[in-house]
Amino acid sequence: MVDDPTHRHDAATWSPLDSDGWYAARNATTALRDALIRAGLEKDFPYLRADLNAFGHGLVELGRVSPATAERLAELLRLALTSGVQRLGESRDETAEHRTGRD
């Protein structure tokens, strides 16, 4: 029976596996982990993990890093943003050329 207390979820039976927040945090953590591995920073984020807060909201814990790691991450972000801005400009130019019929 659905109203049977044994079928209800309460604090004693709640599991993070029942939470969309957990899966969102886990997927984001995995994506970040993969990017850090590609950047050669897999050993520089020892506290990286998926987590949930008391409200069931998914969080990605980055943890503490050394100043050198923070500088490296900042440089990677600067390079990515610069590259992204260049690509954005290029795609806008291509779109404008396409609209005007130029090749």
PDB file of N, CA and C in Angstrom:
ATOM      1  N   MET A   1       0.846  -1.173   0.000  1.00  0.00           N
ATOM      2  CA  MET A   1       0.000   0.000   0.000  1.00  0.00           C
ATOM      3  C   MET A   1       0.893   1.239   0.000  1.00  0.00           C
ATOM      4  N   VAL A   2       0.554   2.217  -0.813  1.00  0.00           N
ATOM      5  CA  VAL A   2       1.381   3.412  -0.978  1.00  0.00           C
ATOM      6  C   VAL A   2       1.453   4.231   0.305  1.00  0.00           C
ATOM      7  N   ASP A   3       0.372   4.321   1.076  1.00  0.00           N
ATOM      8  CA  ASP A   3       0.364   5.114   2.305  1.00  0.00           C
ATOM      9  C   ASP A   3       1.013   4.390   3.477  1.00  0.00           C
ATOM     10  N   ASP A   4       1.447   3.194   3.254  1.00  0.00           N
ATOM     11  CA  ASP A   4       2.119   2.420   4.295  1.00  0.00           C
ATOM     12  C   ASP A   4       3.418   3.135   4.683  1.00  0.00           C
ATOM     13  N   PRO A   5       3.669   3.387   5.969  1.00  0.00           N
ATOM     14  CA  PRO A   5       4.871   4.095   6.407  1.00  0.00           C
ATOM     15  C   PRO A   5       6.176   3.453   5.932  1.00  0.00           C
ATOM     16  N   THR A   6       6.154   2.167   5.643  1.00  0.00           N
ATOM     17  CA  THR A   6       7.396   1.519   5.195  1.00  0.00           C
ATOM     18  C   THR A   6       7.758   1.917   3.776  1.00  0.00           C
ATOM     19  N   HIS A   7       6.826   2.526   3.018  1.00  0.00           N
ATOM     20  CA  HIS A   7       7.098   2.942   1.646  1.00  0.00           C
ATOM     21  C   HIS A   7       7.496   4.415   1.549  1.00  0.00           C
ATOM     22  N   ARG A   8       7.420   5.141   2.633  1.00  0.00           N
ATOM     23  CA  ARG A   8       7.780   6.559   2.631  1.00  0.00           C
ATOM     24  C   ARG A   8       9.276   6.738   2.858  1.00  0.00           C
ATOM     25  N   HIS A   9       9.810   7.807   2.280  1.00  0.00           N
ATOM     26  CA  HIS A   9      11.212   8.144   2.512  1.00  0.00           C
ATOM     27  C   HIS A   9      11.292   9.160   3.639  1.00  0.00           C
ATOM     28  N   ASP A  10      12.153   8.925   4.571  1.00  0.00           N
ATOM     29  CA  ASP A  10      12.398   9.892   5.628  1.00  0.00           C
ATOM     30  C   ASP A  10      13.910  10.027   5.794  1.00  0.00           C
ATOM     31  N   ALA A  11      14.328  10.795   6.768  1.00  0.00           N
ATOM     32  CA  ALA A  11      15.754  11.038   6.967  1.00  0.00           C
ATOM     33  C   ALA A  11      16.540   9.749   7.196  1.00  0.00           C
ATOM     34  N   ALA A  12      15.902   8.754   7.736  1.00  0.00           N
ATOM     35  CA  ALA A  12      16.599   7.509   8.031  1.00  0.00           C
ATOM     36  C   ALA A  12      16.791   6.648   6.786  1.00  0.00           C
ATOM     37  N   THR A  13      15.949   6.848   5.780  1.00  0.00           N
ATOM     38  CA  THR A  13      16.054   6.019   4.583  1.00  0.00           C
ATOM     39  C   THR A  13      16.498   6.800   3.357  1.00  0.00           C
ATOM     40  N   TRP A  14      16.720   8.105   3.488  1.00  0.00           N
ATOM     41  CA  TRP A  14      17.115   8.930   2.351  1.00  0.00           C
ATOM     42  C   TRP A  14      18.496   8.533   1.872  1.00  0.00           C
ATOM     43  N   SER A  15      18.668   8.544   0.579  1.00  0.00           N
ATOM     44  CA  SER A  15      19.951   8.207  -0.020  1.00  0.00           C
ATOM     45  C   SER A  15      20.313   9.262  -1.048  1.00  0.00           C
ATOM     46  N   PRO A  16      21.594   9.622  -1.163  1.00  0.00           N
ATOM     47  CA  PRO A  16      21.987  10.571  -2.197  1.00  0.00           C
ATOM     48  C   PRO A  16      21.670  10.056  -3.591  1.00  0.00           C
ATOM     49  N   LEU A  17      21.572   8.760  -3.732  1.00  0.00           N
ATOM     50  CA  LEU A  17      21.266   8.181  -5.035  1.00  0.00           C
ATOM     51  C   LEU A  17      19.849   8.501  -5.492  1.00  0.00           C
ATOM     52  N   ASP A  18      19.010   9.003  -4.569  1.00  0.00           N
ATOM     53  CA  ASP A  18      17.654   9.424  -4.905  1.00  0.00           C
ATOM     54  C   ASP A  18      17.600  10.898  -5.282  1.00  0.00           C
ATOM     55  N   SER A  19      18.742  11.544  -5.392  1.00  0.00           N
ATOM     56  CA  SER A  19      18.797  12.988  -5.568  1.00  0.00           C
ATOM     57  C   SER A  19      19.363  13.368  -6.942  1.00  0.00           C
ATOM     58  N   ASP A  20      18.648  14.241  -7.658  1.00  0.00           N
ATOM     59  CA  ASP A  20      19.172  14.764  -8.921  1.00  0.00           C
ATOM     60  C   ASP A  20      20.418  15.606  -8.665  1.00  0.00           C
ATOM     61  N   GLY A  21      20.462  16.272  -7.506  1.00  0.00           N
ATOM     62  CA  GLY A  21      21.618  17.098  -7.160  1.00  0.00           C
ATOM     63  C   GLY A  21      22.893  16.285  -7.081  1.00  0.00           C
ATOM     64  N   TRP A  22      22.792  15.074  -6.570  1.00  0.00           N
ATOM     65  CA  TRP A  22      23.968  14.212  -6.474  1.00  0.00           C
ATOM     66  C   TRP A  22      24.509  13.877  -7.853  1.00  0.00           C
ATOM     67  N   TYR A  23      23.631  13.504  -8.772  1.00  0.00           N
ATOM     68  CA  TYR A  23      24.080  13.138 -10.110  1.00  0.00           C
ATOM     69  C   TYR A  23      24.642  14.346 -10.859  1.00  0.00           C
ATOM     70  N   ALA A  24      24.050  15.516 -10.670  1.00  0.00           N
ATOM     71  CA  ALA A  24      24.574  16.728 -11.302  1.00  0.00           C
ATOM     72  C   ALA A  24      25.980  17.034 -10.775  1.00  0.00           C
ATOM     73  N   ALA A  25      26.157  16.928  -9.457  1.00  0.00           N
ATOM     74  CA  ALA A  25      27.474  17.180  -8.860  1.00  0.00           C
ATOM     75  C   ALA A  25      28.490  16.144  -9.318  1.00  0.00           C
ATOM     76  N   ARG A  26      28.083  14.899  -9.362  1.00  0.00           N
ATOM     77  CA  ARG A  26      29.000  13.835  -9.790  1.00  0.00           C
ATOM     78  C   ARG A  26      29.409  14.016 -11.247  1.00  0.00           C
ATOM     79  N   ASN A  27      28.460  14.350 -12.115  1.00  0.00           N
ATOM     80  CA  ASN A  27      28.783  14.540 -13.527  1.00  0.00           C
ATOM     81  C   ASN A  27      29.687  15.751 -13.744  1.00  0.00           C
ATOM     82  N   ALA A  28      29.424  16.829 -13.020  1.00  0.00           N
ATOM     83  CA  ALA A  28      30.269  18.017 -13.127  1.00  0.00           C
ATOM     84  C   ALA A  28      31.672  17.740 -12.602  1.00  0.00           C
ATOM     85  N   THR A  29      31.765  16.987 -11.515  1.00  0.00           N
ATOM     86  CA  THR A  29      33.067  16.633 -10.948  1.00  0.00           C
ATOM     87  C   THR A  29      33.858  15.767 -11.924  1.00  0.00           C
ATOM     88  N   THR A  30      33.184  14.848 -12.562  1.00  0.00           N
ATOM     89  CA  THR A  30      33.839  13.987 -13.548  1.00  0.00           C
ATOM     90  C   THR A  30      34.352  14.808 -14.727  1.00  0.00           C
ATOM     91  N   ALA A  31      33.541  15.740 -15.212  1.00  0.00           N
ATOM     92  CA  ALA A  31      33.964  16.592 -16.324  1.00  0.00           C
ATOM     93  C   ALA A  31      35.172  17.437 -15.931  1.00  0.00           C
ATOM     94  N   LEU A  32      35.137  17.999 -14.726  1.00  0.00           N
ATOM     95  CA  LEU A  32      36.263  18.801 -14.253  1.00  0.00           C
ATOM     96  C   LEU A  32      37.505  17.939 -14.068  1.00  0.00           C
ATOM     97  N   ARG A  33      37.328  16.756 -13.508  1.00  0.00           N
ATOM     98  CA  ARG A  33      38.453  15.826 -13.327  1.00  0.00           C
ATOM     99  C   ARG A  33      39.117  15.513 -14.666  1.00  0.00           C
ATOM    100  N   ASP A  34      38.311  15.230 -15.676  1.00  0.00           N
ATOM    101  CA  ASP A  34      38.858  14.905 -16.992  1.00  0.00           C
ATOM    102  C   ASP A  34      39.636  16.082 -17.586  1.00  0.00           C
ATOM    103  N   ALA A  35      39.113  17.298 -17.410  1.00  0.00           N
ATOM    104  CA  ALA A  35      39.811  18.484 -17.913  1.00  0.00           C
ATOM    105  C   ALA A  35      41.117  18.710 -17.150  1.00  0.00           C
ATOM    106  N   LEU A  36      41.108  18.490 -15.847  1.00  0.00           N
ATOM    107  CA  LEU A  36      42.328  18.651 -15.053  1.00  0.00           C
ATOM    108  C   LEU A  36      43.373  17.612 -15.447  1.00  0.00           C
ATOM    109  N   ILE A  37      42.944  16.411 -15.754  1.00  0.00           N
ATOM    110  CA  ILE A  37      43.886  15.383 -16.213  1.00  0.00           C
ATOM    111  C   ILE A  37      44.520  15.817 -17.532  1.00  0.00           C
ATOM    112  N   ARG A  38      43.703  16.314 -18.466  1.00  0.00           N
ATOM    113  CA  ARG A  38      44.242  16.771 -19.764  1.00  0.00           C
ATOM    114  C   ARG A  38      45.221  17.927 -19.578  1.00  0.00           C
ATOM    115  N   ALA A  39      45.004  18.738 -18.550  1.00  0.00           N
ATOM    116  CA  ALA A  39      45.889  19.882 -18.286  1.00  0.00           C
ATOM    117  C   ALA A  39      47.100  19.489 -17.445  1.00  0.00           C
ATOM    118  N   GLY A  40      47.177  18.214 -17.048  1.00  0.00           N
ATOM    119  CA  GLY A  40      48.302  17.762 -16.226  1.00  0.00           C
ATOM    120  C   GLY A  40      48.202  18.167 -14.771  1.00  0.00           C
ATOM    121  N   LEU A  41      46.988  18.453 -14.304  1.00  0.00           N
ATOM    122  CA  LEU A  41      46.786  18.925 -12.934  1.00  0.00           C
ATOM    123  C   LEU A  41      46.090  17.899 -12.053  1.00  0.00           C
ATOM    124  N   GLU A  42      46.117  16.633 -12.443  1.00  0.00           N
ATOM    125  CA  GLU A  42      45.364  15.624 -11.684  1.00  0.00           C
ATOM    126  C   GLU A  42      45.848  15.451 -10.251  1.00  0.00           C
ATOM    127  N   LYS A  43      47.104  15.736  -9.974  1.00  0.00           N
ATOM    128  CA  LYS A  43      47.620  15.576  -8.606  1.00  0.00           C
ATOM    129  C   LYS A  43      47.523  16.864  -7.798  1.00  0.00           C
ATOM    130  N   ASP A  44      47.105  17.948  -8.440  1.00  0.00           N
ATOM    131  CA  ASP A  44      47.075  19.249  -7.780  1.00  0.00           C
ATOM    132  C   ASP A  44      45.734  19.572  -7.117  1.00  0.00           C
ATOM    133  N   PHE A  45      44.745  18.725  -7.306  1.00  0.00           N
ATOM    134  CA  PHE A  45      43.425  18.929  -6.700  1.00  0.00           C
ATOM    135  C   PHE A  45      43.039  17.683  -5.905  1.00  0.00           C
ATOM    136  N   PRO A  46      43.749  17.410  -4.811  1.00  0.00           N
ATOM    137  CA  PRO A  46      43.509  16.168  -4.070  1.00  0.00           C
ATOM    138  C   PRO A  46      42.153  16.120  -3.356  1.00  0.00           C
ATOM    139  N   TYR A  47      41.508  17.258  -3.198  1.00  0.00           N
ATOM    140  CA  TYR A  47      40.236  17.301  -2.476  1.00  0.00           C
ATOM    141  C   TYR A  47      39.023  17.343  -3.403  1.00  0.00           C
ATOM    142  N   LEU A  48      39.230  17.238  -4.703  1.00  0.00           N
ATOM    143  CA  LEU A  48      38.132  17.304  -5.665  1.00  0.00           C
ATOM    144  C   LEU A  48      37.144  16.162  -5.414  1.00  0.00           C
ATOM    145  N   ARG A  49      35.865  16.523  -5.217  1.00  0.00           N
ATOM    146  CA  ARG A  49      34.856  15.493  -4.998  1.00  0.00           C
ATOM    147  C   ARG A  49      33.458  16.071  -5.186  1.00  0.00           C
ATOM    148  N   ALA A  50      32.513  15.199  -5.448  1.00  0.00           N
ATOM    149  CA  ALA A  50      31.107  15.573  -5.515  1.00  0.00           C
ATOM    150  C   ALA A  50      30.532  15.484  -4.105  1.00  0.00           C
ATOM    151  N   ASP A  51      29.576  16.354  -3.805  1.00  0.00           N
ATOM    152  CA  ASP A  51      29.000  16.366  -2.467  1.00  0.00           C
ATOM    153  C   ASP A  51      27.570  16.883  -2.544  1.00  0.00           C
ATOM    154  N   LEU A  52      26.856  16.732  -1.465  1.00  0.00           N
ATOM    155  CA  LEU A  52      25.525  17.299  -1.292  1.00  0.00           C
ATOM    156  C   LEU A  52      25.506  18.092   0.000  1.00  0.00           C
ATOM    157  N   ASN A  53      24.798  19.216   0.008  1.00  0.00           N
ATOM    158  CA  ASN A  53      24.648  19.932   1.275  1.00  0.00           C
ATOM    159  C   ASN A  53      23.429  19.404   2.021  1.00  0.00           C
ATOM    160  N   ALA A  54      23.120  19.987   3.138  1.00  0.00           N
ATOM    161  CA  ALA A  54      22.020  19.513   3.981  1.00  0.00           C
ATOM    162  C   ALA A  54      20.667  19.645   3.296  1.00  0.00           C
ATOM    163  N   PHE A  55      20.579  20.469   2.265  1.00  0.00           N
ATOM    164  CA  PHE A  55      19.320  20.670   1.553  1.00  0.00           C
ATOM    165  C   PHE A  55      19.212  19.778   0.318  1.00  0.00           C
ATOM    166  N   GLY A  56      20.226  18.946   0.096  1.00  0.00           N
ATOM    167  CA  GLY A  56      20.216  18.048  -1.050  1.00  0.00           C
ATOM    168  C   GLY A  56      20.688  18.684  -2.342  1.00  0.00           C
ATOM    169  N   HIS A  57      21.305  19.875  -2.244  1.00  0.00           N
ATOM    170  CA  HIS A  57      21.824  20.540  -3.432  1.00  0.00           C
ATOM    171  C   HIS A  57      23.219  20.000  -3.739  1.00  0.00           C
ATOM    172  N   GLY A  58      23.435  19.652  -4.981  1.00  0.00           N
ATOM    173  CA  GLY A  58      24.730  19.137  -5.383  1.00  0.00           C
ATOM    174  C   GLY A  58      25.796  20.219  -5.378  1.00  0.00           C
ATOM    175  N   LEU A  59      26.982  19.847  -4.928  1.00  0.00           N
ATOM    176  CA  LEU A  59      28.118  20.762  -4.884  1.00  0.00           C
ATOM    177  C   LEU A  59      29.354  20.049  -5.404  1.00  0.00           C
ATOM    178  N   VAL A  60      30.269  20.824  -5.968  1.00  0.00           N
ATOM    179  CA  VAL A  60      31.564  20.295  -6.363  1.00  0.00           C
ATOM    180  C   VAL A  60      32.593  20.909  -5.431  1.00  0.00           C
ATOM    181  N   GLU A  61      33.247  20.076  -4.664  1.00  0.00           N
ATOM    182  CA  GLU A  61      34.273  20.512  -3.712  1.00  0.00           C
ATOM    183  C   GLU A  61      35.616  20.517  -4.438  1.00  0.00           C
ATOM    184  N   LEU A  62      36.197  21.708  -4.576  1.00  0.00           N
ATOM    185  CA  LEU A  62      37.521  21.805  -5.201  1.00  0.00           C
ATOM    186  C   LEU A  62      38.632  21.637  -4.179  1.00  0.00           C
ATOM    187  N   GLY A  63      38.387  22.100  -2.970  1.00  0.00           N
ATOM    188  CA  GLY A  63      39.381  21.965  -1.920  1.00  0.00           C
ATOM    189  C   GLY A  63      40.494  22.996  -2.012  1.00  0.00           C
ATOM    190  N   ARG A  64      41.474  22.807  -1.157  1.00  0.00           N
ATOM    191  CA  ARG A  64      42.623  23.718  -1.106  1.00  0.00           C
ATOM    192  C   ARG A  64      43.649  23.319  -2.149  1.00  0.00           C
ATOM    193  N   VAL A  65      44.304  24.336  -2.721  1.00  0.00           N
ATOM    194  CA  VAL A  65      45.382  24.097  -3.680  1.00  0.00           C
ATOM    195  C   VAL A  65      46.547  25.018  -3.340  1.00  0.00           C
ATOM    196  N   SER A  66      47.700  24.674  -3.846  1.00  0.00           N
ATOM    197  CA  SER A  66      48.882  25.505  -3.609  1.00  0.00           C
ATOM    198  C   SER A  66      48.780  26.789  -4.429  1.00  0.00           C
ATOM    199  N   PRO A  67      49.528  27.819  -4.052  1.00  0.00           N
ATOM    200  CA  PRO A  67      49.544  29.047  -4.854  1.00  0.00           C
ATOM    201  C   PRO A  67      49.988  28.782  -6.295  1.00  0.00           C
ATOM    202  N   ALA A  68      50.941  27.904  -6.479  1.00  0.00           N
ATOM    203  CA  ALA A  68      51.408  27.590  -7.833  1.00  0.00           C
ATOM    204  C   ALA A  68      50.292  26.970  -8.665  1.00  0.00           C
ATOM    205  N   THR A  69      49.496  26.105  -8.049  1.00  0.00           N
ATOM    206  CA  THR A  69      48.376  25.481  -8.758  1.00  0.00           C
ATOM    207  C   THR A  69      47.322  26.522  -9.101  1.00  0.00           C
ATOM    208  N   ALA A  70      47.040  27.433  -8.179  1.00  0.00           N
ATOM    209  CA  ALA A  70      46.067  28.491  -8.438  1.00  0.00           C
ATOM    210  C   ALA A  70      46.531  29.375  -9.591  1.00  0.00           C
ATOM    211  N   GLU A  71      47.825  29.688  -9.629  1.00  0.00           N
ATOM    212  CA  GLU A  71      48.378  30.491 -10.733  1.00  0.00           C
ATOM    213  C   GLU A  71      48.259  29.747 -12.055  1.00  0.00           C
ATOM    214  N   ARG A  72      48.543  28.461 -12.043  1.00  0.00           N
ATOM    215  CA  ARG A  72      48.447  27.645 -13.261  1.00  0.00           C
ATOM    216  C   ARG A  72      47.004  27.586 -13.748  1.00  0.00           C
ATOM    217  N   LEU A  73      46.068  27.403 -12.837  1.00  0.00           N
ATOM    218  CA  LEU A  73      44.657  27.361 -13.198  1.00  0.00           C
ATOM    219  C   LEU A  73      44.202  28.705 -13.759  1.00  0.00           C
ATOM    220  N   ALA A  74      44.639  29.790 -13.139  1.00  0.00           N
ATOM    221  CA  ALA A  74      44.296  31.127 -13.625  1.00  0.00           C
ATOM    222  C   ALA A  74      44.831  31.341 -15.040  1.00  0.00           C
ATOM    223  N   GLU A  75      46.056  30.894 -15.295  1.00  0.00           N
ATOM    224  CA  GLU A  75      46.636  31.033 -16.636  1.00  0.00           C
ATOM    225  C   GLU A  75      45.865  30.207 -17.659  1.00  0.00           C
ATOM    226  N   LEU A  76      45.487  28.995 -17.299  1.00  0.00           N
ATOM    227  CA  LEU A  76      44.696  28.161 -18.206  1.00  0.00           C
ATOM    228  C   LEU A  76      43.347  28.808 -18.520  1.00  0.00           C
ATOM    229  N   LEU A  77      42.714  29.405 -17.521  1.00  0.00           N
ATOM    230  CA  LEU A  77      41.447  30.084 -17.745  1.00  0.00           C
ATOM    231  C   LEU A  77      41.623  31.305 -18.641  1.00  0.00           C
ATOM    232  N   ARG A  78      42.706  32.069 -18.413  1.00  0.00           N
ATOM    233  CA  ARG A  78      42.981  33.234 -19.276  1.00  0.00           C
ATOM    234  C   ARG A  78      43.164  32.789 -20.715  1.00  0.00           C
ATOM    235  N   LEU A  79      43.940  31.727 -20.927  1.00  0.00           N
ATOM    236  CA  LEU A  79      44.167  31.226 -22.281  1.00  0.00           C
ATOM    237  C   LEU A  79      42.864  30.743 -22.920  1.00  0.00           C
ATOM    238  N   ALA A  80      42.056  30.038 -22.151  1.00  0.00           N
ATOM    239  CA  ALA A  80      40.785  29.536 -22.671  1.00  0.00           C
ATOM    240  C   ALA A  80      39.853  30.684 -23.036  1.00  0.00           C
ATOM    241  N   LEU A  81      39.805  31.709 -22.181  1.00  0.00           N
ATOM    242  CA  LEU A  81      38.944  32.853 -22.467  1.00  0.00           C
ATOM    243  C   LEU A  81      39.418  33.614 -23.689  1.00  0.00           C
ATOM    244  N   THR A  82      40.709  33.784 -23.829  1.00  0.00           N
ATOM    245  CA  THR A  82      41.262  34.462 -24.996  1.00  0.00           C
ATOM    246  C   THR A  82      40.949  33.670 -26.256  1.00  0.00           C
ATOM    247  N   SER A  83      41.148  32.374 -26.201  1.00  0.00           N
ATOM    248  CA  SER A  83      40.858  31.506 -27.338  1.00  0.00           C
ATOM    249  C   SER A  83      39.376  31.528 -27.667  1.00  0.00           C
ATOM    250  N   GLY A  84      38.552  31.496 -26.643  1.00  0.00           N
ATOM    251  CA  GLY A  84      37.108  31.526 -26.844  1.00  0.00           C
ATOM    252  C   GLY A  84      36.639  32.821 -27.459  1.00  0.00           C
ATOM    253  N   VAL A  85      37.220  33.939 -27.061  1.00  0.00           N
ATOM    254  CA  VAL A  85      36.860  35.234 -27.624  1.00  0.00           C
ATOM    255  C   VAL A  85      37.260  35.274 -29.091  1.00  0.00           C
ATOM    256  N   GLN A  86      38.442  34.749 -29.423  1.00  0.00           N
ATOM    257  CA  GLN A  86      38.865  34.713 -30.819  1.00  0.00           C
ATOM    258  C   GLN A  86      37.926  33.842 -31.641  1.00  0.00           C
ATOM    259  N   ARG A  87      37.576  32.680 -31.122  1.00  0.00           N
ATOM    260  CA  ARG A  87      36.666  31.786 -31.841  1.00  0.00           C
ATOM    261  C   ARG A  87      35.292  32.409 -32.001  1.00  0.00           C
ATOM    262  N   LEU A  88      34.817  33.112 -30.972  1.00  0.00           N
ATOM    263  CA  LEU A  88      33.521  33.770 -31.036  1.00  0.00           C
ATOM    264  C   LEU A  88      33.535  34.815 -32.144  1.00  0.00           C
ATOM    265  N   GLY A  89      34.619  35.600 -32.215  1.00  0.00           N
ATOM    266  CA  GLY A  89      34.750  36.593 -33.272  1.00  0.00           C
ATOM    267  C   GLY A  89      34.793  35.959 -34.645  1.00  0.00           C
ATOM    268  N   GLU A  90      35.508  34.845 -34.785  1.00  0.00           N
ATOM    269  CA  GLU A  90      35.598  34.148 -36.057  1.00  0.00           C
ATOM    270  C   GLU A  90      34.239  33.607 -36.473  1.00  0.00           C
ATOM    271  N   SER A  91      33.491  33.041 -35.535  1.00  0.00           N
ATOM    272  CA  SER A  91      32.177  32.489 -35.892  1.00  0.00           C
ATOM    273  C   SER A  91      31.209  33.603 -36.261  1.00  0.00           C
ATOM    274  N   ARG A  92      31.328  34.771 -35.632  1.00  0.00           N
ATOM    275  CA  ARG A  92      30.478  35.908 -36.001  1.00  0.00           C
ATOM    276  C   ARG A  92      30.815  36.372 -37.407  1.00  0.00           C
ATOM    277  N   ASP A  93      32.115  36.426 -37.757  1.00  0.00           N
ATOM    278  CA  ASP A  93      32.521  36.824 -39.099  1.00  0.00           C
ATOM    279  C   ASP A  93      31.990  35.847 -40.134  1.00  0.00           C
ATOM    280  N   GLU A  94      32.087  34.543 -39.835  1.00  0.00           N
ATOM    281  CA  GLU A  94      31.595  33.528 -40.764  1.00  0.00           C
ATOM    282  C   GLU A  94      30.091  33.644 -40.940  1.00  0.00           C
ATOM    283  N   THR A  95      29.375  33.926 -39.867  1.00  0.00           N
ATOM    284  CA  THR A  95      27.923  34.070 -39.945  1.00  0.00           C
ATOM    285  C   THR A  95      27.562  35.286 -40.777  1.00  0.00           C
ATOM    286  N   ALA A  96      28.274  36.389 -40.591  1.00  0.00           N
ATOM    287  CA  ALA A  96      28.014  37.602 -41.365  1.00  0.00           C
ATOM    288  C   ALA A  96      28.305  37.365 -42.847  1.00  0.00           C
ATOM    289  N   GLU A  97      29.403  36.652 -43.149  1.00  0.00           N
ATOM    290  CA  GLU A  97      29.730  36.345 -44.538  1.00  0.00           C
ATOM    291  C   GLU A  97      28.662  35.450 -45.151  1.00  0.00           C
ATOM    292  N   HIS A  98      28.177  34.502 -44.388  1.00  0.00           N
ATOM    293  CA  HIS A  98      27.141  33.592 -44.873  1.00  0.00           C
ATOM    294  C   HIS A  98      25.856  34.359 -45.193  1.00  0.00           C
ATOM    295  N   ARG A  99      25.495  35.313 -44.335  1.00  0.00           N
ATOM    296  CA  ARG A  99      24.266  36.092 -44.552  1.00  0.00           C
ATOM    297  C   ARG A  99      24.369  36.964 -45.793  1.00  0.00           C
ATOM    298  N   THR A 100      25.567  37.504 -46.061  1.00  0.00           N
ATOM    299  CA  THR A 100      25.729  38.386 -47.218  1.00  0.00           C
ATOM    300  C   THR A 100      26.045  37.606 -48.481  1.00  0.00           C
ATOM    301  N   GLY A 101      26.265  36.305 -48.342  1.00  0.00           N
ATOM    302  CA  GLY A 101      26.546  35.472 -49.500  1.00  0.00           C
ATOM    303  C   GLY A 101      27.998  35.464 -49.917  1.00  0.00           C
ATOM    304  N   ARG A 102      28.887  36.038 -49.098  1.00  0.00           N
ATOM    305  CA  ARG A 102      30.311  36.032 -49.424  1.00  0.00           C
ATOM    306  C   ARG A 102      30.937  34.741 -48.983  1.00  0.00           C
ATOM    307  N   ASP A 103      31.990  34.290 -49.676  1.00  0.00           N
ATOM    308  CA  ASP A 103      32.719  33.083 -49.307  1.00  0.00           C
ATOM    309  C   ASP A 103      34.102  33.407 -48.875  1.00  0.00           C
TER     310      ASP A 103
END
